[in-house]
Amino acid sequence: MKKKLITAMALFSFGIMLWAQTNNLSVSVARGEAVYKKECLSCHQVDGGGVPHMNPPLAQSSNVLKDKQKIITVVLKGMSDRIPLDDEYYSNVMASHSYLTDQQIADVLTYVRNSFGNKATAVTAAEVKAIRGPVKKTTSQVKKS
């Protein structure tokens, strides 16, 4: 009897944990969609298809699906290099989006990594913060302290 109760409790806890992760992912994706529509849609298009030879596609792109650190860095710092991506070259400048919060960047990248036919792990605000590094205080912030 005790074994059955412990097993039932373990399964219940696992179910709750799985539900919470799925719920968190869907919440992050929904917030990320709003950021995408405001910040990314004009260059990367409604379907994530990009613009040939200018703005790379986000749909089923190795750049989106593989290395989280690389895509976080691109969003934070922008990019001006002519880059090869999946046998195509893209040369339009991507502006830095460092003005977005860590959570907004995490949400938009989670949205991109789980939309347009993509299926990848979520990006967390902690991962963005680790790449962004320490935020330096401006002169006006130092005077207020």
Protein backbone atom coordinates (compact mmCIF):
# COMPACT_ATOMS: atom_id res chain seq x y z
CA MET A 1 0.00 0.00 0.00
CA LYS A 2 2.78 2.42 0.95
CA LYS A 3 4.67 1.64 -2.29
CA LYS A 4 1.56 2.37 -4.38
CA LEU A 5 1.02 5.68 -2.60
CA ILE A 6 4.65 6.73 -3.13
CA THR A 7 4.47 5.70 -6.80
CA ALA A 8 1.22 7.60 -7.27
CA MET A 9 2.67 10.70 -5.62
CA ALA A 10 5.80 10.51 -7.79
CA LEU A 11 3.72 10.19 -10.97
CA PHE A 12 1.49 13.06 -9.88
CA SER A 13 4.53 15.27 -9.17
CA PHE A 14 6.05 14.37 -12.53
CA GLY A 15 2.75 15.21 -14.24
CA ILE A 16 2.57 18.60 -12.51
CA MET A 17 6.18 19.35 -13.46
CA LEU A 18 5.52 18.40 -17.10
CA TRP A 19 2.35 20.52 -17.18
CA ALA A 20 4.21 23.50 -15.70
CA GLN A 21 7.00 23.25 -18.30
CA THR A 22 4.49 23.00 -21.15
CA ASN A 23 2.45 25.88 -19.75
CA ASN A 24 5.58 28.03 -19.32
CA LEU A 25 6.62 27.27 -22.90
CA SER A 26 3.23 28.27 -24.29
CA VAL A 27 3.22 31.49 -22.22
CA SER A 28 6.73 32.35 -23.43
CA VAL A 29 5.77 31.59 -27.04
CA ALA A 30 2.69 33.84 -26.78
CA ARG A 31 4.73 36.74 -25.36
CA GLY A 32 7.44 36.10 -27.95
CA GLU A 33 4.94 36.28 -30.79
CA ALA A 34 4.03 39.83 -29.75
CA VAL A 35 7.72 40.83 -29.70
CA TYR A 36 8.27 39.14 -33.09
CA LYS A 37 5.40 41.04 -34.67
CA LYS A 38 6.77 44.35 -33.40
CA GLU A 39 10.52 43.83 -33.87
CA CYS A 40 11.20 41.06 -36.40
CA LEU A 41 8.31 40.64 -38.82
CA SER A 42 9.25 43.39 -41.27
CA CYS A 43 12.57 41.71 -42.11
CA HIS A 44 11.92 38.03 -41.43
CA GLN A 45 8.31 38.05 -42.72
CA VAL A 46 5.05 36.65 -41.35
CA ASP A 47 6.03 33.08 -42.20
CA GLY A 48 9.63 33.38 -40.97
CA GLY A 49 10.80 32.95 -44.57
CA GLY A 50 13.05 36.02 -44.64
CA VAL A 51 14.02 37.78 -47.86
CA PRO A 52 16.35 35.92 -50.25
CA HIS A 53 19.98 37.12 -50.08
CA MET A 54 19.04 39.86 -47.58
CA ASN A 55 17.37 38.58 -44.42
CA PRO A 56 17.86 34.93 -43.51
CA PRO A 57 14.87 32.69 -42.98
CA LEU A 58 14.00 31.62 -39.47
CA ALA A 59 11.88 28.69 -40.66
CA GLN A 60 13.75 25.42 -40.20
CA SER A 61 17.08 27.22 -40.16
CA SER A 62 20.15 25.61 -38.63
CA ASN A 63 21.07 29.05 -37.29
CA VAL A 64 17.87 29.08 -35.22
CA LEU A 65 17.77 25.45 -34.17
CA LYS A 66 21.34 24.71 -33.13
CA ASP A 67 23.42 27.02 -30.96
CA LYS A 68 21.31 29.17 -28.61
CA GLN A 69 24.31 31.29 -27.64
CA LYS A 70 24.93 32.30 -31.22
CA ILE A 71 21.36 33.43 -31.90
CA ILE A 72 21.18 35.26 -28.55
CA THR A 73 24.39 37.09 -29.44
CA VAL A 74 23.02 38.08 -32.86
CA VAL A 75 19.88 39.55 -31.28
CA LEU A 76 21.87 41.39 -28.61
CA LYS A 77 24.70 42.71 -30.79
CA GLY A 78 23.25 42.68 -34.29
CA MET A 79 25.20 41.57 -37.32
CA SER A 80 26.69 43.25 -40.36
CA ASP A 81 28.68 40.40 -41.90
CA ARG A 82 27.78 38.69 -45.15
CA ILE A 83 27.09 35.21 -43.84
CA PRO A 84 26.51 31.81 -45.38
CA LEU A 85 23.53 30.00 -43.97
CA ASP A 86 22.23 26.69 -45.28
CA ASP A 87 23.93 27.16 -48.70
CA GLU A 88 22.74 30.78 -49.19
CA TYR A 89 24.42 34.10 -48.46
CA TYR A 90 22.67 36.94 -46.61
CA SER A 91 24.07 40.43 -46.41
CA ASN A 92 21.52 42.81 -44.89
CA VAL A 93 22.53 44.45 -41.61
CA MET A 94 20.64 43.31 -38.52
CA ALA A 95 20.48 46.00 -35.88
CA SER A 96 21.22 45.29 -32.24
CA HIS A 97 18.14 44.67 -30.14
CA SER A 98 19.95 45.10 -26.83
CA TYR A 99 17.25 47.55 -25.70
CA LEU A 100 14.91 44.56 -25.27
CA THR A 101 14.82 42.99 -21.81
CA ASP A 102 16.38 39.59 -21.18
CA GLN A 103 12.86 38.16 -20.88
CA GLN A 104 11.70 39.70 -24.17
CA ILE A 105 14.72 38.27 -26.01
CA ALA A 106 14.20 34.88 -24.39
CA ASP A 107 10.51 34.93 -25.32
CA VAL A 108 11.02 35.99 -28.95
CA LEU A 109 13.74 33.39 -29.46
CA THR A 110 11.58 30.73 -27.83
CA TYR A 111 8.78 31.76 -30.20
CA VAL A 112 11.08 31.56 -33.24
CA ARG A 113 12.55 28.22 -32.11
CA ASN A 114 9.01 26.80 -31.80
CA SER A 115 7.28 28.36 -34.83
CA PHE A 116 7.57 28.18 -38.61
CA GLY A 117 8.01 24.40 -38.47
CA ASN A 118 10.78 24.67 -35.84
CA LYS A 119 10.88 22.58 -32.69
CA ALA A 120 13.65 23.38 -30.22
CA THR A 121 14.19 24.02 -26.54
CA ALA A 122 13.18 27.28 -24.94
CA VAL A 123 15.60 30.14 -24.35
CA THR A 124 15.62 31.46 -20.79
CA ALA A 125 16.14 34.97 -19.51
CA ALA A 126 19.09 33.62 -17.49
CA GLU A 127 20.78 32.41 -20.71
CA VAL A 128 20.30 35.85 -22.27
CA LYS A 129 21.58 37.59 -19.15
CA ALA A 130 24.70 35.37 -19.09
CA ILE A 131 25.56 36.40 -22.66
CA ARG A 132 24.60 40.05 -22.20
CA GLY A 133 26.93 40.26 -19.22
CA PRO A 134 26.79 42.83 -16.46
CA VAL A 135 24.77 45.94 -17.24
CA LYS A 136 26.83 49.07 -16.71
CA LYS A 137 25.20 52.00 -14.96
CA THR A 138 24.85 55.20 -16.93
CA THR A 139 26.03 58.49 -15.47
CA SER A 140 22.47 59.45 -14.51
CA GLN A 141 21.94 56.10 -12.76
CA VAL A 142 25.18 56.52 -10.78
CA LYS A 143 24.10 60.00 -9.57
CA LYS A 144 20.75 58.61 -8.36
CA SER A 145 22.41 55.83 -6.33
